């Protein structure tokens, strides 16, 4: 088993406030090429929607703060 830890960072490399690091375990079996490819595909299907949701939430929060500043 392999583990992947994702931390979303800004352009300066600092973790984005309000977004927690996420740990993912991937099962690579006997580590054949087919098993590794399947594990990576499974990881992609699990992780990318969560990352997209986190990024959308951050963008929505920034937009809300900008609107409040204008008022």
N, C-alpha and C. Protein backbone atom coordinates (compact mmCIF):
# COMPACT_ATOMS: atom_id res chain seq x y z
N UNK A 1 0.85 -1.18 0.00
CA UNK A 1 0.00 0.00 0.00
C UNK A 1 0.89 1.23 0.00
N UNK A 2 0.46 2.21 -0.73
CA UNK A 2 1.15 3.51 -0.78
C UNK A 2 0.21 4.57 -0.24
N UNK A 3 0.78 5.64 0.26
CA UNK A 3 -0.02 6.75 0.76
C UNK A 3 0.35 8.02 0.02
N UNK A 4 -0.66 8.82 -0.24
CA UNK A 4 -0.47 10.12 -0.87
C UNK A 4 -1.07 11.17 0.05
N UNK A 5 -0.31 12.22 0.32
CA UNK A 5 -0.81 13.32 1.13
C UNK A 5 -0.84 14.56 0.26
N UNK A 6 -2.03 15.16 0.14
CA UNK A 6 -2.20 16.36 -0.67
C UNK A 6 -2.45 17.56 0.20
N UNK A 7 -1.70 18.61 -0.05
CA UNK A 7 -1.90 19.89 0.61
C UNK A 7 -2.03 20.94 -0.48
N UNK A 8 -3.16 21.61 -0.52
CA UNK A 8 -3.35 22.66 -1.52
C UNK A 8 -2.60 23.91 -1.05
N UNK A 9 -1.77 24.44 -1.96
CA UNK A 9 -0.95 25.61 -1.64
C UNK A 9 -1.20 26.72 -2.65
N UNK A 10 -0.92 27.95 -2.20
CA UNK A 10 -1.03 29.10 -3.11
C UNK A 10 0.22 29.19 -3.97
N UNK A 11 0.31 30.24 -4.77
CA UNK A 11 1.44 30.40 -5.68
C UNK A 11 2.78 30.52 -4.96
N UNK A 12 2.75 30.98 -3.72
CA UNK A 12 3.99 31.13 -2.95
C UNK A 12 4.38 29.84 -2.22
N UNK A 13 3.55 28.79 -2.34
CA UNK A 13 3.85 27.53 -1.68
C UNK A 13 3.31 27.41 -0.28
N UNK A 14 2.51 28.37 0.15
CA UNK A 14 1.92 28.32 1.49
C UNK A 14 0.58 27.59 1.43
N UNK A 15 0.30 26.76 2.44
CA UNK A 15 -0.99 26.07 2.46
C UNK A 15 -2.15 27.07 2.43
N UNK A 16 -3.19 26.73 1.71
CA UNK A 16 -4.35 27.60 1.60
C UNK A 16 -5.15 27.50 2.89
N UNK A 17 -5.44 28.66 3.47
CA UNK A 17 -6.16 28.70 4.74
C UNK A 17 -7.54 28.07 4.57
N UNK A 18 -7.93 27.29 5.55
CA UNK A 18 -9.26 26.69 5.55
C UNK A 18 -9.36 25.38 4.80
N UNK A 19 -8.28 24.95 4.16
CA UNK A 19 -8.29 23.68 3.43
C UNK A 19 -7.33 22.73 4.13
N UNK A 20 -7.86 21.64 4.61
CA UNK A 20 -7.04 20.67 5.34
C UNK A 20 -6.32 19.74 4.37
N UNK A 21 -5.14 19.32 4.77
CA UNK A 21 -4.41 18.32 4.00
C UNK A 21 -5.20 17.02 4.04
N UNK A 22 -5.15 16.30 2.95
CA UNK A 22 -5.89 15.04 2.87
C UNK A 22 -4.93 13.90 2.59
N UNK A 23 -5.15 12.79 3.28
CA UNK A 23 -4.35 11.59 3.08
C UNK A 23 -5.18 10.58 2.28
N UNK A 24 -4.54 9.96 1.32
CA UNK A 24 -5.17 8.93 0.50
C UNK A 24 -4.28 7.69 0.53
N UNK A 25 -4.88 6.55 0.72
CA UNK A 25 -4.16 5.28 0.63
C UNK A 25 -4.52 4.64 -0.70
N UNK A 26 -3.52 4.18 -1.39
CA UNK A 26 -3.80 3.50 -2.65
C UNK A 26 -3.25 2.08 -2.57
N UNK A 27 -4.04 1.16 -3.05
CA UNK A 27 -3.66 -0.25 -3.07
C UNK A 27 -3.02 -0.56 -4.41
N UNK A 28 -1.76 -0.91 -4.40
CA UNK A 28 -1.09 -1.23 -5.64
C UNK A 28 -0.88 -2.72 -5.82
N UNK A 29 -1.43 -3.51 -4.93
CA UNK A 29 -1.34 -4.96 -5.07
C UNK A 29 0.09 -5.45 -5.14
N UNK A 30 0.37 -6.26 -6.16
CA UNK A 30 1.72 -6.80 -6.34
C UNK A 30 2.62 -5.87 -7.12
N UNK A 31 2.15 -4.66 -7.34
CA UNK A 31 2.89 -3.61 -8.01
C UNK A 31 3.20 -3.92 -9.48
N UNK A 32 2.26 -4.60 -10.13
CA UNK A 32 2.39 -4.76 -11.58
C UNK A 32 1.94 -3.46 -12.23
N UNK A 33 2.30 -3.27 -13.46
CA UNK A 33 1.94 -2.04 -14.16
C UNK A 33 0.42 -1.87 -14.20
N UNK A 34 -0.30 -2.92 -14.48
CA UNK A 34 -1.76 -2.84 -14.53
C UNK A 34 -2.35 -2.46 -13.18
N UNK A 35 -1.83 -3.02 -12.11
CA UNK A 35 -2.33 -2.71 -10.76
C UNK A 35 -2.01 -1.27 -10.37
N UNK A 36 -0.83 -0.81 -10.74
CA UNK A 36 -0.46 0.57 -10.43
C UNK A 36 -1.35 1.53 -11.21
N UNK A 37 -1.56 1.25 -12.49
CA UNK A 37 -2.44 2.11 -13.30
C UNK A 37 -3.86 2.14 -12.74
N UNK A 38 -4.36 0.99 -12.31
CA UNK A 38 -5.71 0.93 -11.73
C UNK A 38 -5.77 1.71 -10.43
N UNK A 39 -4.73 1.61 -9.60
CA UNK A 39 -4.69 2.33 -8.33
C UNK A 39 -4.64 3.83 -8.56
N UNK A 40 -3.86 4.27 -9.55
CA UNK A 40 -3.77 5.69 -9.85
C UNK A 40 -5.10 6.20 -10.38
N UNK A 41 -5.76 5.44 -11.23
CA UNK A 41 -7.06 5.83 -11.77
C UNK A 41 -8.09 5.94 -10.64
N UNK A 42 -8.08 4.98 -9.73
CA UNK A 42 -8.99 5.03 -8.58
C UNK A 42 -8.72 6.26 -7.72
N UNK A 43 -7.44 6.55 -7.49
CA UNK A 43 -7.06 7.74 -6.73
C UNK A 43 -7.57 9.00 -7.42
N UNK A 44 -7.38 9.07 -8.73
CA UNK A 44 -7.82 10.23 -9.50
C UNK A 44 -9.32 10.43 -9.37
N UNK A 45 -10.07 9.36 -9.46
CA UNK A 45 -11.53 9.46 -9.36
C UNK A 45 -11.99 9.89 -7.98
N UNK A 46 -11.23 9.54 -6.95
CA UNK A 46 -11.58 9.94 -5.58
C UNK A 46 -11.09 11.35 -5.25
N UNK A 47 -9.87 11.65 -5.62
CA UNK A 47 -9.23 12.88 -5.16
C UNK A 47 -9.65 14.12 -5.95
N UNK A 48 -9.75 14.02 -7.26
CA UNK A 48 -10.01 15.22 -8.06
C UNK A 48 -11.33 15.90 -7.74
N UNK A 49 -12.43 15.20 -7.54
CA UNK A 49 -13.66 15.90 -7.15
C UNK A 49 -13.52 16.63 -5.81
N UNK A 50 -12.80 16.04 -4.87
CA UNK A 50 -12.58 16.69 -3.57
C UNK A 50 -11.71 17.93 -3.72
N UNK A 51 -10.68 17.84 -4.54
CA UNK A 51 -9.81 19.00 -4.77
C UNK A 51 -10.59 20.11 -5.46
N UNK A 52 -11.38 19.75 -6.45
CA UNK A 52 -12.20 20.75 -7.16
C UNK A 52 -13.15 21.44 -6.19
N UNK A 53 -13.79 20.67 -5.31
CA UNK A 53 -14.71 21.25 -4.34
C UNK A 53 -13.98 22.20 -3.40
N UNK A 54 -12.80 21.82 -2.94
CA UNK A 54 -12.01 22.69 -2.06
C UNK A 54 -11.65 24.00 -2.76
N UNK A 55 -11.21 23.90 -4.00
CA UNK A 55 -10.83 25.10 -4.75
C UNK A 55 -12.03 26.00 -5.01
N UNK A 56 -13.17 25.41 -5.32
CA UNK A 56 -14.39 26.20 -5.52
C UNK A 56 -14.82 26.90 -4.24
N UNK A 57 -14.70 26.21 -3.11
CA UNK A 57 -15.05 26.81 -1.82
C UNK A 57 -14.13 27.99 -1.50
N UNK A 58 -12.85 27.84 -1.77
CA UNK A 58 -11.89 28.92 -1.53
C UNK A 58 -12.24 30.12 -2.42
N UNK A 59 -12.53 29.85 -3.69
CA UNK A 59 -12.88 30.93 -4.62
C UNK A 59 -14.16 31.63 -4.19
N UNK A 60 -15.14 30.86 -3.73
CA UNK A 60 -16.40 31.45 -3.28
C UNK A 60 -16.18 32.31 -2.05
N UNK A 61 -15.34 31.86 -1.14
CA UNK A 61 -15.05 32.64 0.07
C UNK A 61 -14.35 33.94 -0.30
N UNK A 62 -13.40 33.89 -1.22
CA UNK A 62 -12.70 35.11 -1.64
C UNK A 62 -13.66 36.09 -2.30
N UNK A 63 -14.55 35.58 -3.13
CA UNK A 63 -15.53 36.43 -3.78
C UNK A 63 -16.46 37.07 -2.75
N UNK A 64 -16.89 36.30 -1.77
CA UNK A 64 -17.75 36.85 -0.71
C UNK A 64 -17.04 37.95 0.05
N UNK A 65 -15.74 37.77 0.33
CA UNK A 65 -14.98 38.79 1.03
C UNK A 65 -14.83 40.06 0.19
N UNK A 66 -14.63 39.89 -1.11
CA UNK A 66 -14.50 41.04 -1.99
C UNK A 66 -15.82 41.82 -2.06
N UNK A 67 -16.94 41.14 -2.11
CA UNK A 67 -18.25 41.78 -2.15
C UNK A 67 -18.48 42.54 -0.85
N UNK A 68 -18.11 41.95 0.28
CA UNK A 68 -18.29 42.62 1.58
C UNK A 68 -17.45 43.89 1.66
N UNK A 69 -16.24 43.87 1.10
CA UNK A 69 -15.36 45.03 1.15
C UNK A 69 -15.94 46.18 0.33
N UNK A 70 -16.65 45.86 -0.77
CA UNK A 70 -17.22 46.89 -1.61
C UNK A 70 -18.41 47.57 -0.95
N UNK A 71 -19.08 46.87 -0.04
CA UNK A 71 -20.28 47.43 0.62
C UNK A 71 -19.95 48.43 1.66
